[in-house]
C-alpha cells in the first residue's frame, strides 16, 4: 500500500499552515492538544492530497474549523468533494464554524468529546486471562 498520509511534497505547506493557524484553530488546538480529550490529535495533518486541520488516527476522525469562506459556493463544493474522498478512506469528519469556536467553545468541546466517546473502541475488559474469551466445551 502506498503512503497517503503526510506526503513529503506537502511538508513545507503543512509547516506553513501550523505556523499560521487561524485564531479559531489556535483556540481549539489549545483544548485538544496533549490528549486533553483522551485521544491524540495532530494538527495540519496530510491525508492524500488534502491537509486536515486536526486528525486523530485512533478514531479515524478529521476535525475541520470552517471560516466564512466555506459558505461560498465554490469552496462548499470543494469541501463536499474533499469529504467524499475522506469518507471513502474510512474517515469521519466533524466540522465546526470559526464562529462556534470563537463564541460557543464550551459547546464545541462538549460536542467533540461526545463524538470521540462514540467513536472510541470499548475499554479493554481484561481479567486474569488477559481478556480472552472463554470457550467452554460441552
N, C-alpha and C. Protein backbone atom coordinates (compact mmCIF):
# COMPACT_ATOMS: atom_id res chain seq x y z
N UNK A 1 0.85 -1.18 0.00
CA UNK A 1 0.00 0.00 0.00
C UNK A 1 0.88 1.23 0.00
N UNK A 2 0.54 2.21 -0.81
CA UNK A 2 1.36 3.41 -0.87
C UNK A 2 1.04 4.34 0.29
N UNK A 3 2.00 5.13 0.65
CA UNK A 3 1.83 6.09 1.75
C UNK A 3 0.94 7.23 1.28
N UNK A 4 -0.11 7.51 2.06
CA UNK A 4 -1.03 8.57 1.68
C UNK A 4 -1.08 9.68 2.71
N UNK A 5 -0.53 9.47 3.89
CA UNK A 5 -0.56 10.50 4.92
C UNK A 5 0.76 11.24 4.97
N UNK A 6 0.67 12.55 5.16
CA UNK A 6 1.84 13.42 5.29
C UNK A 6 2.85 13.21 4.17
N UNK A 7 2.38 13.40 2.96
CA UNK A 7 3.25 13.26 1.80
C UNK A 7 4.41 14.24 1.88
N UNK A 8 5.57 13.77 1.47
CA UNK A 8 6.79 14.58 1.56
C UNK A 8 6.66 15.92 0.85
N UNK A 9 5.98 15.91 -0.31
CA UNK A 9 5.87 17.15 -1.07
C UNK A 9 4.95 18.18 -0.40
N UNK A 10 4.23 17.79 0.62
CA UNK A 10 3.36 18.71 1.36
C UNK A 10 4.01 19.25 2.63
N UNK A 11 5.20 18.79 2.95
CA UNK A 11 5.81 19.12 4.23
C UNK A 11 5.90 20.63 4.47
N UNK A 12 6.38 21.38 3.50
CA UNK A 12 6.51 22.83 3.67
C UNK A 12 5.15 23.49 3.87
N UNK A 13 4.15 23.03 3.12
CA UNK A 13 2.80 23.61 3.24
C UNK A 13 2.19 23.30 4.61
N UNK A 14 2.37 22.06 5.08
CA UNK A 14 1.85 21.71 6.42
C UNK A 14 2.51 22.57 7.48
N UNK A 15 3.80 22.77 7.37
CA UNK A 15 4.53 23.59 8.34
C UNK A 15 4.05 25.03 8.29
N UNK A 16 3.85 25.54 7.09
CA UNK A 16 3.34 26.90 6.93
C UNK A 16 1.96 27.05 7.59
N UNK A 17 1.09 26.06 7.39
CA UNK A 17 -0.25 26.11 8.00
C UNK A 17 -0.18 26.02 9.53
N UNK A 18 0.74 25.21 10.05
CA UNK A 18 0.90 25.13 11.51
C UNK A 18 1.40 26.45 12.08
N UNK A 19 2.30 27.11 11.36
CA UNK A 19 2.85 28.38 11.82
C UNK A 19 1.88 29.54 11.67
N UNK A 20 0.87 29.39 10.84
CA UNK A 20 -0.07 30.48 10.56
C UNK A 20 -1.52 30.03 10.78
N UNK A 21 -1.76 29.33 11.87
CA UNK A 21 -3.12 28.87 12.16
C UNK A 21 -4.03 30.07 12.39
N UNK A 22 -5.29 29.91 12.02
CA UNK A 22 -6.27 30.96 12.29
C UNK A 22 -6.51 31.03 13.80
N UNK A 23 -7.07 32.12 14.25
CA UNK A 23 -7.36 32.28 15.68
C UNK A 23 -8.27 31.16 16.19
N UNK A 24 -9.37 30.83 15.49
CA UNK A 24 -10.21 29.73 15.97
C UNK A 24 -9.45 28.38 16.03
N UNK A 25 -8.58 28.13 15.05
CA UNK A 25 -7.78 26.90 15.09
C UNK A 25 -6.87 26.89 16.31
N UNK A 26 -6.25 28.02 16.61
CA UNK A 26 -5.37 28.11 17.79
C UNK A 26 -6.16 27.86 19.06
N UNK A 27 -7.36 28.43 19.13
CA UNK A 27 -8.19 28.24 20.32
C UNK A 27 -8.53 26.77 20.49
N UNK A 28 -9.01 26.12 19.43
CA UNK A 28 -9.38 24.70 19.53
C UNK A 28 -8.16 23.85 19.84
N UNK A 29 -7.03 24.13 19.21
CA UNK A 29 -5.82 23.36 19.43
C UNK A 29 -5.40 23.41 20.91
N UNK A 30 -5.56 24.57 21.52
CA UNK A 30 -5.22 24.71 22.94
C UNK A 30 -5.98 23.69 23.80
N UNK A 31 -7.20 23.34 23.40
CA UNK A 31 -8.06 22.48 24.21
C UNK A 31 -8.04 21.01 23.80
N UNK A 32 -7.47 20.69 22.63
CA UNK A 32 -7.47 19.28 22.22
C UNK A 32 -6.06 18.68 22.17
N UNK A 33 -5.04 19.53 22.29
CA UNK A 33 -3.68 19.01 22.24
C UNK A 33 -3.37 18.24 23.52
N UNK A 34 -2.28 17.50 23.50
CA UNK A 34 -1.81 16.73 24.67
C UNK A 34 -2.88 15.80 25.24
N UNK A 35 -3.69 15.23 24.34
CA UNK A 35 -4.70 14.23 24.71
C UNK A 35 -5.68 14.72 25.77
N UNK A 36 -6.01 16.00 25.74
CA UNK A 36 -6.94 16.54 26.73
C UNK A 36 -8.35 15.95 26.61
N UNK A 37 -8.68 15.44 25.43
CA UNK A 37 -9.97 14.77 25.25
C UNK A 37 -9.82 13.25 25.35
N UNK A 38 -8.64 12.80 25.75
CA UNK A 38 -8.39 11.37 25.87
C UNK A 38 -7.88 10.71 24.61
N UNK A 39 -7.63 11.51 23.57
CA UNK A 39 -7.16 10.98 22.29
C UNK A 39 -6.15 11.94 21.70
N UNK A 40 -5.17 11.38 20.98
CA UNK A 40 -4.12 12.21 20.38
C UNK A 40 -4.60 12.79 19.06
N UNK A 41 -4.55 14.10 18.99
CA UNK A 41 -4.85 14.81 17.75
C UNK A 41 -3.57 15.39 17.20
N UNK A 42 -3.47 15.42 15.89
CA UNK A 42 -2.38 16.08 15.18
C UNK A 42 -2.99 17.28 14.47
N UNK A 43 -2.19 18.33 14.32
CA UNK A 43 -2.70 19.49 13.59
C UNK A 43 -2.05 19.56 12.23
N UNK A 44 -2.80 20.07 11.28
CA UNK A 44 -2.35 20.22 9.89
C UNK A 44 -1.73 18.91 9.39
N UNK A 45 -2.54 17.88 9.42
CA UNK A 45 -2.10 16.53 9.06
C UNK A 45 -2.50 16.22 7.61
N UNK A 46 -1.53 15.78 6.83
CA UNK A 46 -1.78 15.44 5.43
C UNK A 46 -2.51 14.12 5.28
N UNK A 47 -3.57 14.14 4.49
CA UNK A 47 -4.33 12.93 4.15
C UNK A 47 -4.52 12.97 2.65
N UNK A 48 -3.77 12.13 1.95
CA UNK A 48 -3.79 12.19 0.49
C UNK A 48 -3.33 13.57 0.05
N UNK A 49 -4.07 14.17 -0.87
CA UNK A 49 -3.67 15.49 -1.36
C UNK A 49 -4.23 16.62 -0.50
N UNK A 50 -4.95 16.27 0.57
CA UNK A 50 -5.57 17.25 1.44
C UNK A 50 -4.79 17.41 2.75
N UNK A 51 -5.01 18.52 3.41
CA UNK A 51 -4.41 18.76 4.73
C UNK A 51 -5.55 19.07 5.68
N UNK A 52 -5.73 18.19 6.66
CA UNK A 52 -6.80 18.35 7.64
C UNK A 52 -6.34 19.31 8.73
N UNK A 53 -7.28 20.10 9.25
CA UNK A 53 -6.95 20.99 10.36
C UNK A 53 -6.45 20.17 11.54
N UNK A 54 -7.24 19.15 11.92
CA UNK A 54 -6.87 18.27 13.04
C UNK A 54 -7.26 16.84 12.67
N UNK A 55 -6.46 15.88 13.16
CA UNK A 55 -6.69 14.48 12.81
C UNK A 55 -6.35 13.59 13.99
N UNK A 56 -7.24 12.65 14.29
CA UNK A 56 -7.00 11.64 15.31
C UNK A 56 -6.99 10.28 14.62
N UNK A 57 -5.82 9.67 14.50
CA UNK A 57 -5.72 8.39 13.78
C UNK A 57 -6.41 7.27 14.53
N UNK A 58 -6.39 7.30 15.85
CA UNK A 58 -7.03 6.26 16.66
C UNK A 58 -8.53 6.16 16.35
N UNK A 59 -9.16 7.30 16.10
CA UNK A 59 -10.60 7.34 15.86
C UNK A 59 -10.95 7.50 14.39
N UNK A 60 -9.94 7.64 13.53
CA UNK A 60 -10.16 7.93 12.10
C UNK A 60 -11.05 9.17 11.96
N UNK A 61 -10.71 10.19 12.73
CA UNK A 61 -11.54 11.39 12.81
C UNK A 61 -10.77 12.62 12.34
N UNK A 62 -11.39 13.35 11.42
CA UNK A 62 -10.88 14.62 10.94
C UNK A 62 -11.76 15.71 11.54
N UNK A 63 -11.13 16.75 12.09
CA UNK A 63 -11.87 17.89 12.62
C UNK A 63 -11.46 19.12 11.82
N UNK A 64 -12.46 19.80 11.28
CA UNK A 64 -12.23 20.99 10.48
C UNK A 64 -12.87 22.21 11.14
N UNK A 65 -12.17 23.33 11.09
CA UNK A 65 -12.71 24.61 11.55
C UNK A 65 -12.92 25.46 10.30
N UNK A 66 -14.18 25.70 9.99
CA UNK A 66 -14.53 26.41 8.76
C UNK A 66 -14.78 27.89 9.02
N UNK A 67 -14.05 28.72 8.30
CA UNK A 67 -14.26 30.16 8.34
C UNK A 67 -15.39 30.56 7.40
N UNK A 68 -15.64 31.86 7.29
CA UNK A 68 -16.73 32.37 6.44
C UNK A 68 -16.60 31.92 5.00
N UNK A 69 -15.38 31.77 4.51
CA UNK A 69 -15.16 31.42 3.11
C UNK A 69 -15.79 30.07 2.76
N UNK A 70 -15.95 29.20 3.75
CA UNK A 70 -16.51 27.87 3.47
C UNK A 70 -17.99 27.93 3.12
N UNK A 71 -18.63 29.06 3.35
CA UNK A 71 -20.02 29.24 2.96
C UNK A 71 -20.19 29.62 1.49
N UNK A 72 -19.09 30.00 0.85
CA UNK A 72 -19.15 30.35 -0.56
C UNK A 72 -19.32 29.09 -1.40
N UNK A 73 -20.10 29.19 -2.46
CA UNK A 73 -20.49 28.02 -3.24
C UNK A 73 -19.29 27.22 -3.75
N UNK A 74 -18.29 27.88 -4.31
CA UNK A 74 -17.14 27.16 -4.87
C UNK A 74 -16.37 26.42 -3.79
N UNK A 75 -16.22 27.03 -2.63
CA UNK A 75 -15.50 26.40 -1.52
C UNK A 75 -16.33 25.26 -0.94
N UNK A 76 -17.64 25.47 -0.85
CA UNK A 76 -18.54 24.42 -0.34
C UNK A 76 -18.48 23.19 -1.23
N UNK A 77 -18.40 23.38 -2.55
CA UNK A 77 -18.28 22.25 -3.48
C UNK A 77 -16.96 21.51 -3.27
N UNK A 78 -15.88 22.26 -3.07
CA UNK A 78 -14.58 21.63 -2.82
C UNK A 78 -14.61 20.86 -1.50
N UNK A 79 -15.25 21.44 -0.48
CA UNK A 79 -15.38 20.75 0.81
C UNK A 79 -16.16 19.45 0.66
N UNK A 80 -17.22 19.50 -0.13
CA UNK A 80 -18.05 18.31 -0.36
C UNK A 80 -17.22 17.20 -1.02
N UNK A 81 -16.46 17.57 -2.05
CA UNK A 81 -15.60 16.59 -2.73
C UNK A 81 -14.56 16.03 -1.76
N UNK A 82 -13.95 16.91 -1.01
CA UNK A 82 -12.92 16.51 -0.04
C UNK A 82 -13.50 15.53 0.98
N UNK A 83 -14.70 15.85 1.49
CA UNK A 83 -15.36 14.97 2.45
C UNK A 83 -15.64 13.60 1.84
N UNK A 84 -16.10 13.57 0.59
CA UNK A 84 -16.38 12.30 -0.08
C UNK A 84 -15.12 11.45 -0.19
N UNK A 85 -14.01 12.07 -0.55
CA UNK A 85 -12.75 11.33 -0.65
C UNK A 85 -12.35 10.77 0.72
N UNK A 86 -12.48 11.59 1.75
CA UNK A 86 -12.10 11.14 3.09
C UNK A 86 -13.03 10.05 3.61
N UNK A 87 -14.33 10.15 3.30
CA UNK A 87 -15.27 9.10 3.69
C UNK A 87 -14.87 7.77 3.05
N UNK A 88 -14.45 7.83 1.78
CA UNK A 88 -14.04 6.61 1.08
C UNK A 88 -12.80 5.99 1.72
N UNK A 89 -12.01 6.82 2.40
CA UNK A 89 -10.83 6.31 3.11
C UNK A 89 -11.20 5.79 4.50
N UNK A 90 -12.48 5.84 4.83
CA UNK A 90 -12.94 5.35 6.13
C UNK A 90 -12.85 6.37 7.25
N UNK A 91 -12.71 7.64 6.88
CA UNK A 91 -12.59 8.69 7.89
C UNK A 91 -13.94 9.31 8.18
N UNK A 92 -14.08 9.78 9.41
CA UNK A 92 -15.26 10.55 9.80
C UNK A 92 -14.82 12.01 9.88
N UNK A 93 -15.72 12.91 9.55
CA UNK A 93 -15.38 14.33 9.52
C UNK A 93 -16.33 15.09 10.42
N UNK A 94 -15.77 15.90 11.28
CA UNK A 94 -16.55 16.76 12.16
C UNK A 94 -16.16 18.18 11.83
N UNK A 95 -17.16 18.99 11.46
CA UNK A 95 -16.90 20.38 11.09
C UNK A 95 -17.53 21.32 12.10
N UNK A 96 -16.78 22.35 12.45
CA UNK A 96 -17.26 23.42 13.31
C UNK A 96 -16.98 24.74 12.60
N UNK A 97 -17.84 25.70 12.80
CA UNK A 97 -17.57 27.01 12.23
C UNK A 97 -16.61 27.77 13.13
N UNK A 98 -15.87 28.67 12.52
CA UNK A 98 -14.98 29.53 13.30
C UNK A 98 -15.79 30.33 14.32
N UNK A 99 -16.99 30.74 13.93
CA UNK A 99 -17.87 31.47 14.82
C UNK A 99 -18.21 30.64 16.06
N UNK A 100 -18.51 29.35 15.87
CA UNK A 100 -18.81 28.50 17.02
C UNK A 100 -17.60 28.34 17.94
N UNK A 101 -16.42 28.17 17.36
CA UNK A 101 -15.22 28.06 18.20
C UNK A 101 -15.00 29.35 18.97
N UNK A 102 -15.19 30.47 18.31
CA UNK A 102 -14.98 31.77 18.97
C UNK A 102 -16.03 32.09 20.03
N UNK A 103 -17.28 31.73 19.78
CA UNK A 103 -18.38 32.18 20.64
C UNK A 103 -19.07 31.08 21.43
N UNK A 104 -18.87 29.83 21.06
CA UNK A 104 -19.53 28.71 21.75
C UNK A 104 -18.54 27.58 22.00
N UNK A 105 -17.36 27.93 22.48
CA UNK A 105 -16.29 26.94 22.65
C UNK A 105 -16.72 25.79 23.55
N UNK A 106 -17.42 26.09 24.62
CA UNK A 106 -17.83 25.03 25.53
C UNK A 106 -18.70 23.99 24.81
N UNK A 107 -19.62 24.48 23.96
CA UNK A 107 -20.46 23.56 23.18
C UNK A 107 -19.60 22.75 22.20
N UNK A 108 -18.67 23.41 21.51
CA UNK A 108 -17.81 22.71 20.56
C UNK A 108 -17.04 21.60 21.26
N UNK A 109 -16.42 21.90 22.39
CA UNK A 109 -15.64 20.90 23.12
C UNK A 109 -16.51 19.76 23.62
N UNK A 110 -17.70 20.09 24.11
CA UNK A 110 -18.62 19.06 24.59
C UNK A 110 -19.06 18.17 23.43
N UNK A 111 -19.39 18.77 22.29
CA UNK A 111 -19.80 18.01 21.12
C UNK A 111 -18.67 17.13 20.61
N UNK A 112 -17.47 17.66 20.56
CA UNK A 112 -16.32 16.88 20.09
C UNK A 112 -16.00 15.75 21.06
N UNK A 113 -16.11 16.01 22.35
CA UNK A 113 -15.89 14.97 23.36
C UNK A 113 -16.90 13.83 23.18
N UNK A 114 -18.16 14.17 22.95
CA UNK A 114 -19.20 13.15 22.73
C UNK A 114 -18.90 12.36 21.45
N UNK A 115 -18.47 13.04 20.43
CA UNK A 115 -18.12 12.38 19.17
C UNK A 115 -16.97 11.39 19.39
N UNK A 116 -15.96 11.82 20.10
CA UNK A 116 -14.82 10.94 20.40
C UNK A 116 -15.26 9.72 21.20
N UNK A 117 -16.12 9.95 22.19
CA UNK A 117 -16.61 8.84 23.01
C UNK A 117 -17.37 7.83 22.17
N UNK A 118 -18.16 8.31 21.22
CA UNK A 118 -18.92 7.41 20.36
C UNK A 118 -18.02 6.60 19.43
N UNK A 119 -16.93 7.21 18.98
CA UNK A 119 -16.03 6.55 18.04
C UNK A 119 -14.98 5.67 18.71
N UNK A 120 -14.74 5.89 20.00
CA UNK A 120 -13.68 5.17 20.70
C UNK A 120 -14.05 3.70 20.86
N UNK A 121 -13.07 2.82 20.71
CA UNK A 121 -13.34 1.41 20.94
C UNK A 121 -13.66 1.20 22.43
N UNK A 122 -14.46 0.18 22.72
CA UNK A 122 -14.77 -0.05 24.13
C UNK A 122 -13.50 -0.34 24.92
N UNK A 123 -13.48 0.04 26.21
CA UNK A 123 -12.29 -0.22 27.01
C UNK A 123 -12.05 -1.71 27.14
N UNK A 124 -10.80 -2.06 27.26
CA UNK A 124 -10.40 -3.46 27.41
C UNK A 124 -10.96 -4.01 28.71
N UNK A 125 -11.63 -5.14 28.64
CA UNK A 125 -12.23 -5.76 29.82
C UNK A 125 -11.39 -6.94 30.28
N UNK A 126 -10.08 -6.79 30.23
CA UNK A 126 -9.19 -7.89 30.58
C UNK A 126 -9.28 -8.29 32.03
N UNK A 127 -9.05 -9.53 32.27
CA UNK A 127 -9.01 -10.07 33.63
C UNK A 127 -7.77 -10.90 33.78
N UNK A 128 -7.83 -11.88 34.62
CA UNK A 128 -6.69 -12.75 34.87
C UNK A 128 -6.27 -13.49 33.61
N UNK A 129 -7.21 -13.70 32.71
CA UNK A 129 -6.90 -14.44 31.49
C UNK A 129 -6.55 -13.50 30.34
N UNK A 130 -6.27 -12.24 30.64
CA UNK A 130 -5.85 -11.32 29.59
C UNK A 130 -6.99 -10.86 28.69
N UNK A 131 -8.22 -11.07 29.15
CA UNK A 131 -9.35 -10.57 28.39
C UNK A 131 -9.74 -11.45 27.23
N UNK A 132 -9.17 -12.63 27.11
CA UNK A 132 -9.53 -13.53 26.02
C UNK A 132 -10.88 -14.16 26.33
N UNK A 133 -11.69 -14.38 25.32
CA UNK A 133 -12.99 -15.01 25.57
C UNK A 133 -12.78 -16.45 26.00
N UNK A 134 -13.67 -16.92 26.84
CA UNK A 134 -13.57 -18.32 27.26
C UNK A 134 -14.51 -19.16 26.39
N UNK A 135 -14.02 -20.30 26.01
CA UNK A 135 -14.82 -21.22 25.21
C UNK A 135 -14.96 -22.49 26.04
N UNK A 136 -16.19 -22.72 26.46
CA UNK A 136 -16.44 -23.93 27.27
C UNK A 136 -16.86 -25.05 26.35
N UNK A 137 -16.31 -26.22 26.61
CA UNK A 137 -16.69 -27.38 25.84
C UNK A 137 -17.89 -28.04 26.52
N UNK A 138 -18.79 -28.55 25.72
CA UNK A 138 -19.96 -29.22 26.29
C UNK A 138 -19.94 -30.69 26.00
